[in-house]
Amino acid sequence: MANKMKLLFLMLLMPSIFLGQNPIPNPGFEDWSGGEPVNWVSNNIPNSVIMITQTSTAHSGASAVKCETGNLANNPWPASLSAGTASDQFIPVSQNYAVLSGYYQLHTTGSDYIGVAAYLYNASKTGIVASISASLDTPVDTYTHFSLEFDYSSGTTDDDAAFMLLQFLTSMGVATEIGSYFLLDDLEVSGITAIEPHNKAVPASFDLSQNYPNPFNPSTNIEFSIPKSVKVSLDIFNTAGQHVAAVINKHMEKGQHSVTWNAGNLPGGVYIYRLKTGKLVQSKKLILLK
């Protein structure tokens, strides 16, 4: 009985040992170096457009992060902030987390919002275990708590999450108001989901997802699903309609797929990526920053 009481006391005293520590790096944005939050990647353009800055208006601690829609040649330019480093934005995780939470402020006079994208991957980084694609669109001038649940209906070949991709941006890459901004602080992923992933789920429809991160430099991930085995082509075009890259051109099995495209040899700008299978075609925009 005494040993059980000691174990209960330890669980209450040190819950992170039993539930897993928060894997988000620098979650309170207390650590900065060279004007950038440590272990985060911004889309700041040095000596030109600075969208990600440190602020002392914090929910807790000494600082938080400010993400502001920039002014690039009198055009609104979205702020983008991704966890990790420029060379590796996959964050190791130890469990199938249930919730992403934190505190935010949103200051805008237009329709800008905070786009939130989070993905839990299996150990081989080839299958998505769970995802969050959401927006925080209510303007608030005081810190407000948010809590977003991971969706485990993606389907994967691995039940256990081993890596996470996490990104916040203004208006999911389509900024509308120069000067609109949001603040973030005290981010956390927590809990263990009670929902079992559907390992062999087959997509019911043909679908092309928004690439992430977006904006990006030089690599981005493109995901799509196909309900049957078919020849697939995934191509990149510039805004003049010129074909600049063939990412996929082969027969593929039904299911969900992910591919990484490296645009290191192309100039910065807006591009179109198009997925085609037979008579079905979907296209979306992506933004390469250089």
C-alpha atoms as a PDB file:
ATOM      1  CA  MET A   1       0.000   0.000   0.000  1.00  0.00           C
ATOM      2  CA  ALA A   2       2.836   2.350   0.903  1.00  0.00           C
ATOM      3  CA  ASN A   3       4.536   1.705  -2.445  1.00  0.00           C
ATOM      4  CA  LYS A   4       1.292   2.499  -4.305  1.00  0.00           C
ATOM      5  CA  MET A   5       0.976   5.778  -2.410  1.00  0.00           C
ATOM      6  CA  LYS A   6       4.569   6.692  -3.303  1.00  0.00           C
ATOM      7  CA  LEU A   7       3.895   5.945  -6.984  1.00  0.00           C
ATOM      8  CA  LEU A   8       0.751   8.099  -6.953  1.00  0.00           C
ATOM      9  CA  PHE A   9       2.688  10.933  -5.314  1.00  0.00           C
ATOM     10  CA  LEU A  10       5.399  10.750  -7.990  1.00  0.00           C
ATOM     11  CA  MET A  11       2.801  10.798 -10.786  1.00  0.00           C
ATOM     12  CA  LEU A  12       1.229  13.939  -9.330  1.00  0.00           C
ATOM     13  CA  LEU A  13       4.579  15.576  -8.728  1.00  0.00           C
ATOM     14  CA  MET A  14       6.159  14.755 -12.077  1.00  0.00           C
ATOM     15  CA  PRO A  15       3.390  14.233 -14.652  1.00  0.00           C
ATOM     16  CA  SER A  16       5.753  14.869 -17.569  1.00  0.00           C
ATOM     17  CA  ILE A  17       7.566  11.619 -16.812  1.00  0.00           C
ATOM     18  CA  PHE A  18       4.361   9.632 -17.305  1.00  0.00           C
ATOM     19  CA  LEU A  19       2.580  11.739 -19.936  1.00  0.00           C
ATOM     20  CA  GLY A  20       5.603  12.880 -21.953  1.00  0.00           C
ATOM     21  CA  GLN A  21       7.269  16.271 -21.975  1.00  0.00           C
ATOM     22  CA  ASN A  22       6.058  19.031 -24.280  1.00  0.00           C
ATOM     23  CA  PRO A  23       8.142  18.461 -27.451  1.00  0.00           C
ATOM     24  CA  ILE A  24       7.558  21.908 -28.985  1.00  0.00           C
ATOM     25  CA  PRO A  25      10.922  23.698 -28.968  1.00  0.00           C
ATOM     26  CA  ASN A  26      11.134  27.075 -27.246  1.00  0.00           C
ATOM     27  CA  PRO A  27       7.325  27.003 -26.690  1.00  0.00           C
ATOM     28  CA  GLY A  28       7.218  30.317 -24.832  1.00  0.00           C
ATOM     29  CA  PHE A  29       9.493  32.136 -27.306  1.00  0.00           C
ATOM     30  CA  GLU A  30      11.834  33.173 -24.514  1.00  0.00           C
ATOM     31  CA  ASP A  31      15.025  32.374 -26.440  1.00  0.00           C
ATOM     32  CA  TRP A  32      16.074  34.528 -29.419  1.00  0.00           C
ATOM     33  CA  SER A  33      19.204  34.807 -31.523  1.00  0.00           C
ATOM     34  CA  GLY A  34      19.931  37.265 -34.321  1.00  0.00           C
ATOM     35  CA  GLY A  35      16.366  38.552 -34.224  1.00  0.00           C
ATOM     36  CA  GLU A  36      14.888  35.054 -34.694  1.00  0.00           C
ATOM     37  CA  PRO A  37      13.194  32.739 -32.158  1.00  0.00           C
ATOM     38  CA  VAL A  38      15.547  29.856 -31.385  1.00  0.00           C
ATOM     39  CA  ASN A  39      14.489  26.541 -32.953  1.00  0.00           C
ATOM     40  CA  TRP A  40      11.897  28.215 -35.177  1.00  0.00           C
ATOM     41  CA  VAL A  41      12.089  29.151 -38.861  1.00  0.00           C
ATOM     42  CA  SER A  42      10.605  32.462 -40.030  1.00  0.00           C
ATOM     43  CA  ASN A  43      10.038  33.806 -43.515  1.00  0.00           C
ATOM     44  CA  ASN A  44      11.729  37.103 -42.701  1.00  0.00           C
ATOM     45  CA  ILE A  45      13.535  38.613 -45.683  1.00  0.00           C
ATOM     46  CA  PRO A  46      16.738  40.103 -44.193  1.00  0.00           C
ATOM     47  CA  ASN A  47      17.237  43.813 -44.888  1.00  0.00           C
ATOM     48  CA  SER A  48      13.884  43.919 -46.656  1.00  0.00           C
ATOM     49  CA  VAL A  49      10.685  42.654 -45.016  1.00  0.00           C
ATOM     50  CA  ILE A  50      10.680  41.577 -41.352  1.00  0.00           C
ATOM     51  CA  MET A  51       7.459  39.859 -40.337  1.00  0.00           C
ATOM     52  CA  ILE A  52       8.500  37.803 -37.291  1.00  0.00           C
ATOM     53  CA  THR A  53       9.726  39.789 -34.267  1.00  0.00           C
ATOM     54  CA  GLN A  54      10.125  39.475 -30.513  1.00  0.00           C
ATOM     55  CA  THR A  55       7.631  41.260 -28.273  1.00  0.00           C
ATOM     56  CA  SER A  56       7.579  41.885 -24.536  1.00  0.00           C
ATOM     57  CA  THR A  57       3.771  41.641 -24.563  1.00  0.00           C
ATOM     58  CA  ALA A  58       3.780  38.089 -23.260  1.00  0.00           C
ATOM     59  CA  HIS A  59       1.220  35.773 -21.727  1.00  0.00           C
ATOM     60  CA  SER A  60       3.918  34.564 -19.346  1.00  0.00           C
ATOM     61  CA  GLY A  61       7.642  35.050 -19.047  1.00  0.00           C
ATOM     62  CA  ALA A  62       9.523  37.920 -20.655  1.00  0.00           C
ATOM     63  CA  SER A  63       8.622  37.601 -24.328  1.00  0.00           C
ATOM     64  CA  ALA A  64       6.361  36.192 -27.017  1.00  0.00           C
ATOM     65  CA  VAL A  65       6.444  36.172 -30.828  1.00  0.00           C
ATOM     66  CA  LYS A  66       4.746  38.725 -33.091  1.00  0.00           C
ATOM     67  CA  CYS A  67       3.808  37.636 -36.640  1.00  0.00           C
ATOM     68  CA  GLU A  68       2.798  40.527 -38.901  1.00  0.00           C
ATOM     69  CA  THR A  69       1.576  40.669 -42.501  1.00  0.00           C
ATOM     70  CA  GLY A  70       4.438  42.409 -44.306  1.00  0.00           C
ATOM     71  CA  ASN A  71       4.673  45.000 -47.064  1.00  0.00           C
ATOM     72  CA  LEU A  72       6.542  43.674 -50.086  1.00  0.00           C
ATOM     73  CA  ALA A  73       6.543  46.257 -52.893  1.00  0.00           C
ATOM     74  CA  ASN A  74       3.176  47.565 -51.625  1.00  0.00           C
ATOM     75  CA  ASN A  75       1.710  44.056 -51.635  1.00  0.00           C
ATOM     76  CA  PRO A  76       0.658  42.183 -48.474  1.00  0.00           C
ATOM     77  CA  TRP A  77       3.066  39.351 -47.673  1.00  0.00           C
ATOM     78  CA  PRO A  78       2.033  36.636 -45.209  1.00  0.00           C
ATOM     79  CA  ALA A  79       4.036  35.912 -42.086  1.00  0.00           C
ATOM     80  CA  SER A  80       5.059  32.281 -41.647  1.00  0.00           C
ATOM     81  CA  LEU A  81       6.578  30.602 -38.611  1.00  0.00           C
ATOM     82  CA  SER A  82       7.545  26.909 -38.484  1.00  0.00           C
ATOM     83  CA  ALA A  83       8.980  24.924 -35.581  1.00  0.00           C
ATOM     84  CA  GLY A  84      12.393  23.337 -36.012  1.00  0.00           C
ATOM     85  CA  THR A  85      15.413  24.451 -38.009  1.00  0.00           C
ATOM     86  CA  ALA A  86      15.931  25.401 -41.644  1.00  0.00           C
ATOM     87  CA  SER A  87      17.536  22.016 -42.301  1.00  0.00           C
ATOM     88  CA  ASP A  88      15.023  19.913 -40.337  1.00  0.00           C
ATOM     89  CA  GLN A  89      11.480  20.931 -39.451  1.00  0.00           C
ATOM     90  CA  PHE A  90      10.518  17.441 -38.248  1.00  0.00           C
ATOM     91  CA  ILE A  91      10.247  17.538 -34.440  1.00  0.00           C
ATOM     92  CA  PRO A  92      10.638  14.209 -32.587  1.00  0.00           C
ATOM     93  CA  VAL A  93       7.571  13.277 -30.514  1.00  0.00           C
ATOM     94  CA  SER A  94       6.954  10.379 -28.166  1.00  0.00           C
ATOM     95  CA  GLN A  95       3.237   9.651 -28.388  1.00  0.00           C
ATOM     96  CA  ASN A  96      -0.030  10.153 -30.250  1.00  0.00           C
ATOM     97  CA  TYR A  97      -0.827  13.594 -28.868  1.00  0.00           C
ATOM     98  CA  ALA A  98      -4.463  14.656 -28.621  1.00  0.00           C
ATOM     99  CA  VAL A  99      -4.387  18.451 -28.443  1.00  0.00           C
ATOM    100  CA  LEU A 100      -2.361  21.468 -29.593  1.00  0.00           C
ATOM    101  CA  SER A 101      -2.944  24.459 -27.331  1.00  0.00           C
ATOM    102  CA  GLY A 102      -1.542  27.869 -26.515  1.00  0.00           C
ATOM    103  CA  TYR A 103      -2.388  31.551 -26.159  1.00  0.00           C
ATOM    104  CA  TYR A 104      -2.854  34.139 -28.894  1.00  0.00           C
ATOM    105  CA  GLN A 105      -3.893  37.681 -29.756  1.00  0.00           C
ATOM    106  CA  LEU A 106      -5.186  38.658 -33.213  1.00  0.00           C
ATOM    107  CA  HIS A 107      -5.150  42.291 -34.352  1.00  0.00           C
ATOM    108  CA  THR A 108      -6.704  42.966 -37.762  1.00  0.00           C
ATOM    109  CA  THR A 109      -9.182  45.340 -39.392  1.00  0.00           C
ATOM    110  CA  GLY A 110      -9.737  43.023 -42.346  1.00  0.00           C
ATOM    111  CA  SER A 111     -10.324  39.322 -42.774  1.00  0.00           C
ATOM    112  CA  ASP A 112      -6.859  38.065 -41.858  1.00  0.00           C
ATOM    113  CA  TYR A 113      -6.701  35.089 -39.554  1.00  0.00           C
ATOM    114  CA  ILE A 114      -4.148  32.757 -37.983  1.00  0.00           C
ATOM    115  CA  GLY A 115      -3.673  29.606 -40.017  1.00  0.00           C
ATOM    116  CA  VAL A 116      -2.580  26.603 -37.973  1.00  0.00           C
ATOM    117  CA  ALA A 117      -1.150  23.485 -39.596  1.00  0.00           C
ATOM    118  CA  ALA A 118       0.172  20.550 -37.553  1.00  0.00           C
ATOM    119  CA  TYR A 119       0.990  17.028 -38.689  1.00  0.00           C
ATOM    120  CA  LEU A 120       2.045  13.956 -36.739  1.00  0.00           C
ATOM    121  CA  TYR A 121       4.142  11.535 -38.817  1.00  0.00           C
ATOM    122  CA  ASN A 122       5.179   7.932 -38.389  1.00  0.00           C
ATOM    123  CA  ALA A 123       8.800   6.967 -37.746  1.00  0.00           C
ATOM    124  CA  SER A 124       9.666   6.685 -41.443  1.00  0.00           C
ATOM    125  CA  LYS A 125       8.161  10.131 -42.177  1.00  0.00           C
ATOM    126  CA  THR A 126       6.147   8.592 -45.007  1.00  0.00           C
ATOM    127  CA  GLY A 127       2.696   8.440 -43.406  1.00  0.00           C
ATOM    128  CA  ILE A 128       0.595  10.994 -41.551  1.00  0.00           C
ATOM    129  CA  VAL A 129      -0.759   9.685 -38.272  1.00  0.00           C
ATOM    130  CA  ALA A 130      -2.869  12.756 -37.471  1.00  0.00           C
ATOM    131  CA  SER A 131      -3.305  16.365 -38.534  1.00  0.00           C
ATOM    132  CA  ILE A 132      -4.682  19.787 -37.637  1.00  0.00           C
ATOM    133  CA  SER A 133      -5.691  22.323 -40.286  1.00  0.00           C
ATOM    134  CA  ALA A 134      -7.522  25.166 -38.610  1.00  0.00           C
ATOM    135  CA  SER A 135      -7.891  28.919 -38.351  1.00  0.00           C
ATOM    136  CA  LEU A 136      -8.167  31.299 -35.413  1.00  0.00           C
ATOM    137  CA  ASP A 137     -10.249  34.119 -36.886  1.00  0.00           C
ATOM    138  CA  THR A 138     -11.730  36.058 -33.964  1.00  0.00           C
ATOM    139  CA  PRO A 139      -9.850  39.341 -33.345  1.00  0.00           C
ATOM    140  CA  VAL A 140      -8.829  39.603 -29.676  1.00  0.00           C
ATOM    141  CA  ASP A 141      -6.573  42.183 -28.024  1.00  0.00           C
ATOM    142  CA  THR A 142      -5.900  40.180 -24.867  1.00  0.00           C
ATOM    143  CA  TYR A 143      -4.342  36.744 -24.662  1.00  0.00           C
ATOM    144  CA  THR A 144      -6.929  34.067 -25.368  1.00  0.00           C
ATOM    145  CA  HIS A 145      -6.491  30.337 -24.916  1.00  0.00           C
ATOM    146  CA  PHE A 146      -6.950  28.038 -27.905  1.00  0.00           C
ATOM    147  CA  SER A 147      -7.154  24.256 -28.006  1.00  0.00           C
ATOM    148  CA  LEU A 148      -7.218  22.272 -31.268  1.00  0.00           C
ATOM    149  CA  GLU A 149      -7.692  18.507 -31.501  1.00  0.00           C
ATOM    150  CA  PHE A 150      -5.639  16.290 -33.815  1.00  0.00           C
ATOM    151  CA  ASP A 151      -7.663  14.419 -36.416  1.00  0.00           C
ATOM    152  CA  TYR A 152      -6.675  10.743 -36.518  1.00  0.00           C
ATOM    153  CA  SER A 153      -8.696   9.822 -39.604  1.00  0.00           C
ATOM    154  CA  SER A 154      -5.794  10.361 -42.022  1.00  0.00           C
ATOM    155  CA  GLY A 155      -4.735   6.728 -42.173  1.00  0.00           C
ATOM    156  CA  THR A 156      -1.140   5.525 -42.037  1.00  0.00           C
ATOM    157  CA  THR A 157       1.050   2.449 -42.036  1.00  0.00           C
ATOM    158  CA  ASP A 158       2.217   3.157 -38.493  1.00  0.00           C
ATOM    159  CA  ASP A 159       0.060   3.652 -35.385  1.00  0.00           C
ATOM    160  CA  ASP A 160       2.615   5.676 -33.462  1.00  0.00           C
ATOM    161  CA  ALA A 161       3.528   9.305 -34.034  1.00  0.00           C
ATOM    162  CA  ALA A 162       7.284   9.846 -34.081  1.00  0.00           C
ATOM    163  CA  PHE A 163       7.645  13.287 -35.695  1.00  0.00           C
ATOM    164  CA  MET A 164       5.664  16.511 -35.886  1.00  0.00           C
ATOM    165  CA  LEU A 165       5.497  19.395 -38.365  1.00  0.00           C
ATOM    166  CA  LEU A 166       4.053  22.630 -36.967  1.00  0.00           C
ATOM    167  CA  GLN A 167       3.369  25.954 -38.703  1.00  0.00           C
ATOM    168  CA  PHE A 168       1.538  29.212 -37.982  1.00  0.00           C
ATOM    169  CA  LEU A 169       0.895  31.873 -40.618  1.00  0.00           C
ATOM    170  CA  THR A 170      -1.303  34.836 -41.488  1.00  0.00           C
ATOM    171  CA  SER A 171      -4.318  33.822 -43.562  1.00  0.00           C
ATOM    172  CA  MET A 172      -2.917  30.473 -44.745  1.00  0.00           C
ATOM    173  CA  GLY A 173      -0.696  32.167 -47.327  1.00  0.00           C
ATOM    174  CA  VAL A 174      -3.314  34.652 -48.602  1.00  0.00           C
ATOM    175  CA  ALA A 175      -2.752  37.876 -46.668  1.00  0.00           C
ATOM    176  CA  THR A 176      -5.272  40.697 -47.051  1.00  0.00           C
ATOM    177  CA  GLU A 177      -4.218  43.496 -44.717  1.00  0.00           C
ATOM    178  CA  ILE A 178      -0.708  44.941 -44.456  1.00  0.00           C
ATOM    179  CA  GLY A 179       0.010  45.460 -40.760  1.00  0.00           C
ATOM    180  CA  SER A 180      -2.379  42.844 -39.403  1.00  0.00           C
ATOM    181  CA  TYR A 181      -0.606  40.749 -36.790  1.00  0.00           C
ATOM    182  CA  PHE A 182      -0.949  38.061 -34.177  1.00  0.00           C
ATOM    183  CA  LEU A 183       0.956  37.143 -31.016  1.00  0.00           C
ATOM    184  CA  LEU A 184       1.688  33.604 -29.841  1.00  0.00           C
ATOM    185  CA  ASP A 185       2.902  32.308 -26.501  1.00  0.00           C
ATOM    186  CA  ASP A 186       3.028  29.186 -24.324  1.00  0.00           C
ATOM    187  CA  LEU A 187       2.409  26.520 -26.978  1.00  0.00           C
ATOM    188  CA  GLU A 188       1.947  22.893 -25.982  1.00  0.00           C
ATOM    189  CA  VAL A 189       0.916  19.523 -27.324  1.00  0.00           C
ATOM    190  CA  SER A 190      -0.555  17.260 -24.687  1.00  0.00           C
ATOM    191  CA  GLY A 191      -2.712  14.261 -23.908  1.00  0.00           C
ATOM    192  CA  ILE A 192      -2.839  10.863 -25.563  1.00  0.00           C
ATOM    193  CA  THR A 193      -5.610  10.277 -28.054  1.00  0.00           C
ATOM    194  CA  ALA A 194      -8.171   7.591 -27.340  1.00  0.00           C
ATOM    195  CA  ILE A 195      -8.890   7.314 -31.068  1.00  0.00           C
ATOM    196  CA  GLU A 196      -7.042   4.594 -32.944  1.00  0.00           C
ATOM    197  CA  PRO A 197      -5.700   5.637 -36.368  1.00  0.00           C
ATOM    198  CA  HIS A 198      -7.257   3.904 -39.358  1.00  0.00           C
ATOM    199  CA  ASN A 199      -4.180   2.107 -40.670  1.00  0.00           C
ATOM    200  CA  LYS A 200      -5.646   0.947 -43.942  1.00  0.00           C
ATOM    201  CA  ALA A 201      -8.142   3.697 -44.653  1.00  0.00           C
ATOM    202  CA  VAL A 202      -8.712   4.284 -48.362  1.00  0.00           C
ATOM    203  CA  PRO A 203      -9.607   7.837 -49.408  1.00  0.00           C
ATOM    204  CA  ALA A 204     -13.144   8.188 -50.713  1.00  0.00           C
ATOM    205  CA  SER A 205     -12.260  10.955 -53.165  1.00  0.00           C
ATOM    206  CA  PHE A 206      -9.541  12.549 -55.264  1.00  0.00           C
ATOM    207  CA  ASP A 207      -8.026  15.401 -53.257  1.00  0.00           C
ATOM    208  CA  LEU A 208      -5.032  17.740 -53.376  1.00  0.00           C
ATOM    209  CA  SER A 209      -3.993  19.384 -50.087  1.00  0.00           C
ATOM    210  CA  GLN A 210      -2.393  22.777 -49.577  1.00  0.00           C
ATOM    211  CA  ASN A 211       1.381  22.464 -49.527  1.00  0.00           C
ATOM    212  CA  TYR A 212       3.284  23.051 -46.278  1.00  0.00           C
ATOM    213  CA  PRO A 213       5.184  24.952 -45.256  1.00  0.00           C
ATOM    214  CA  ASN A 214       3.855  27.776 -47.398  1.00  0.00           C
ATOM    215  CA  PRO A 215       5.603  30.135 -48.046  1.00  0.00           C
ATOM    216  CA  PHE A 216       8.736  27.957 -48.240  1.00  0.00           C
ATOM    217  CA  ASN A 217      12.420  27.967 -49.163  1.00  0.00           C
ATOM    218  CA  PRO A 218      13.599  25.788 -50.795  1.00  0.00           C
ATOM    219  CA  SER A 219      11.537  22.634 -50.040  1.00  0.00           C
ATOM    220  CA  THR A 220       7.845  22.036 -49.413  1.00  0.00           C
ATOM    221  CA  ASN A 221       5.587  19.027 -48.906  1.00  0.00           C
ATOM    222  CA  ILE A 222       2.653  18.255 -51.186  1.00  0.00           C
ATOM    223  CA  GLU A 223       0.048  15.701 -50.143  1.00  0.00           C
ATOM    224  CA  PHE A 224      -2.775  14.163 -52.139  1.00  0.00           C
ATOM    225  CA  SER A 225      -5.144  11.216 -52.050  1.00  0.00           C
ATOM    226  CA  ILE A 226      -6.474   8.990 -54.824  1.00  0.00           C
ATOM    227  CA  PRO A 227      -9.352   6.490 -54.366  1.00  0.00           C
ATOM    228  CA  LYS A 228      -8.036   3.992 -56.929  1.00  0.00           C
ATOM    229  CA  SER A 229      -4.801   2.935 -58.591  1.00  0.00           C
ATOM    230  CA  VAL A 230      -4.145   5.237 -61.537  1.00  0.00           C
ATOM    231  CA  LYS A 231      -1.467   7.138 -63.459  1.00  0.00           C
ATOM    232  CA  VAL A 232      -0.655  10.366 -61.623  1.00  0.00           C
ATOM    233  CA  SER A 233       1.043  13.532 -62.800  1.00  0.00           C
ATOM    234  CA  LEU A 234       2.025  16.350 -60.454  1.00  0.00           C
ATOM    235  CA  ASP A 235       3.446  19.386 -62.271  1.00  0.00           C
ATOM    236  CA  ILE A 236       4.571  22.897 -61.370  1.00  0.00           C
ATOM    237  CA  PHE A 237       3.817  25.983 -63.476  1.00  0.00           C
ATOM    238  CA  ASN A 238       4.742  29.639 -63.127  1.00  0.00           C
ATOM    239  CA  THR A 239       2.062  32.338 -63.263  1.00  0.00           C
ATOM    240  CA  ALA A 240       2.690  32.750 -67.012  1.00  0.00           C
ATOM    241  CA  GLY A 241       1.558  29.153 -67.497  1.00  0.00           C
ATOM    242  CA  GLN A 242       5.029  27.812 -68.305  1.00  0.00           C
ATOM    243  CA  HIS A 243       5.839  24.296 -67.106  1.00  0.00           C
ATOM    244  CA  VAL A 244       8.829  24.468 -64.735  1.00  0.00           C
ATOM    245  CA  ALA A 245       8.942  21.056 -63.011  1.00  0.00           C
ATOM    246  CA  ALA A 246       7.525  17.533 -63.239  1.00  0.00           C
ATOM    247  CA  VAL A 247       7.313  16.212 -59.672  1.00  0.00           C
ATOM    248  CA  ILE A 248       5.450  12.934 -60.374  1.00  0.00           C
ATOM    249  CA  ASN A 249       4.624  11.119 -63.599  1.00  0.00           C
ATOM    250  CA  LYS A 250       3.858   7.464 -62.911  1.00  0.00           C
ATOM    251  CA  HIS A 251       1.235   4.901 -61.968  1.00  0.00           C
ATOM    252  CA  MET A 252       0.446   4.992 -58.229  1.00  0.00           C
ATOM    253  CA  GLU A 253      -1.533   2.812 -55.842  1.00  0.00           C
ATOM    254  CA  LYS A 254      -4.715   4.071 -54.195  1.00  0.00           C
ATOM    255  CA  GLY A 255      -4.306   5.827 -50.860  1.00  0.00           C
ATOM    256  CA  GLN A 256      -2.722   8.922 -49.399  1.00  0.00           C
ATOM    257  CA  HIS A 257       0.624  10.109 -50.700  1.00  0.00           C
ATOM    258  CA  SER A 258       3.186  12.754 -49.787  1.00  0.00           C
ATOM    259  CA  VAL A 259       6.049  14.127 -51.866  1.00  0.00           C
ATOM    260  CA  THR A 260       8.708  16.753 -51.141  1.00  0.00           C
ATOM    261  CA  TRP A 261       9.481  19.257 -53.893  1.00  0.00           C
ATOM    262  CA  ASN A 262      12.770  21.173 -53.884  1.00  0.00           C
ATOM    263  CA  ALA A 263      12.628  24.463 -55.804  1.00  0.00           C
ATOM    264  CA  GLY A 264      16.236  25.421 -55.193  1.00  0.00           C
ATOM    265  CA  ASN A 265      16.876  26.107 -58.885  1.00  0.00           C
ATOM    266  CA  LEU A 266      13.912  28.462 -59.364  1.00  0.00           C
ATOM    267  CA  PRO A 267      13.495  32.173 -58.591  1.00  0.00           C
ATOM    268  CA  GLY A 268      11.184  33.246 -55.800  1.00  0.00           C
ATOM    269  CA  GLY A 269       7.557  33.950 -56.589  1.00  0.00           C
ATOM    270  CA  VAL A 270       4.104  32.427 -56.888  1.00  0.00           C
ATOM    271  CA  TYR A 271       3.743  29.053 -58.628  1.00  0.00           C
ATOM    272  CA  ILE A 272       0.868  26.709 -59.424  1.00  0.00           C
ATOM    273  CA  TYR A 273       1.004  22.984 -58.659  1.00  0.00           C
ATOM    274  CA  ARG A 274      -1.399  20.757 -60.574  1.00  0.00           C
ATOM    275  CA  LEU A 275      -2.431  17.183 -59.812  1.00  0.00           C
ATOM    276  CA  LYS A 276      -3.957  15.179 -62.673  1.00  0.00           C
ATOM    277  CA  THR A 277      -5.327  11.643 -62.808  1.00  0.00           C
ATOM    278  CA  GLY A 278      -7.252  10.837 -66.004  1.00  0.00           C
ATOM    279  CA  LYS A 279      -9.974  13.472 -66.353  1.00  0.00           C
ATOM    280  CA  LEU A 280      -9.617  14.706 -62.755  1.00  0.00           C
ATOM    281  CA  VAL A 281      -7.521  17.826 -62.191  1.00  0.00           C
ATOM    282  CA  GLN A 282      -6.879  19.994 -59.127  1.00  0.00           C
ATOM    283  CA  SER A 283      -4.556  23.003 -58.795  1.00  0.00           C
ATOM    284  CA  LYS A 284      -3.361  25.196 -55.939  1.00  0.00           C
ATOM    285  CA  LYS A 285      -0.939  28.082 -55.445  1.00  0.00           C
ATOM    286  CA  LEU A 286       2.349  27.955 -53.546  1.00  0.00           C
ATOM    287  CA  ILE A 287       4.815  30.710 -52.653  1.00  0.00           C
ATOM    288  CA  LEU A 288       8.599  30.325 -52.950  1.00  0.00           C
ATOM    289  CA  LEU A 289      10.552  32.869 -50.891  1.00  0.00           C
ATOM    290  CA  LYS A 290      14.138  33.731 -51.809  1.00  0.00           C
END
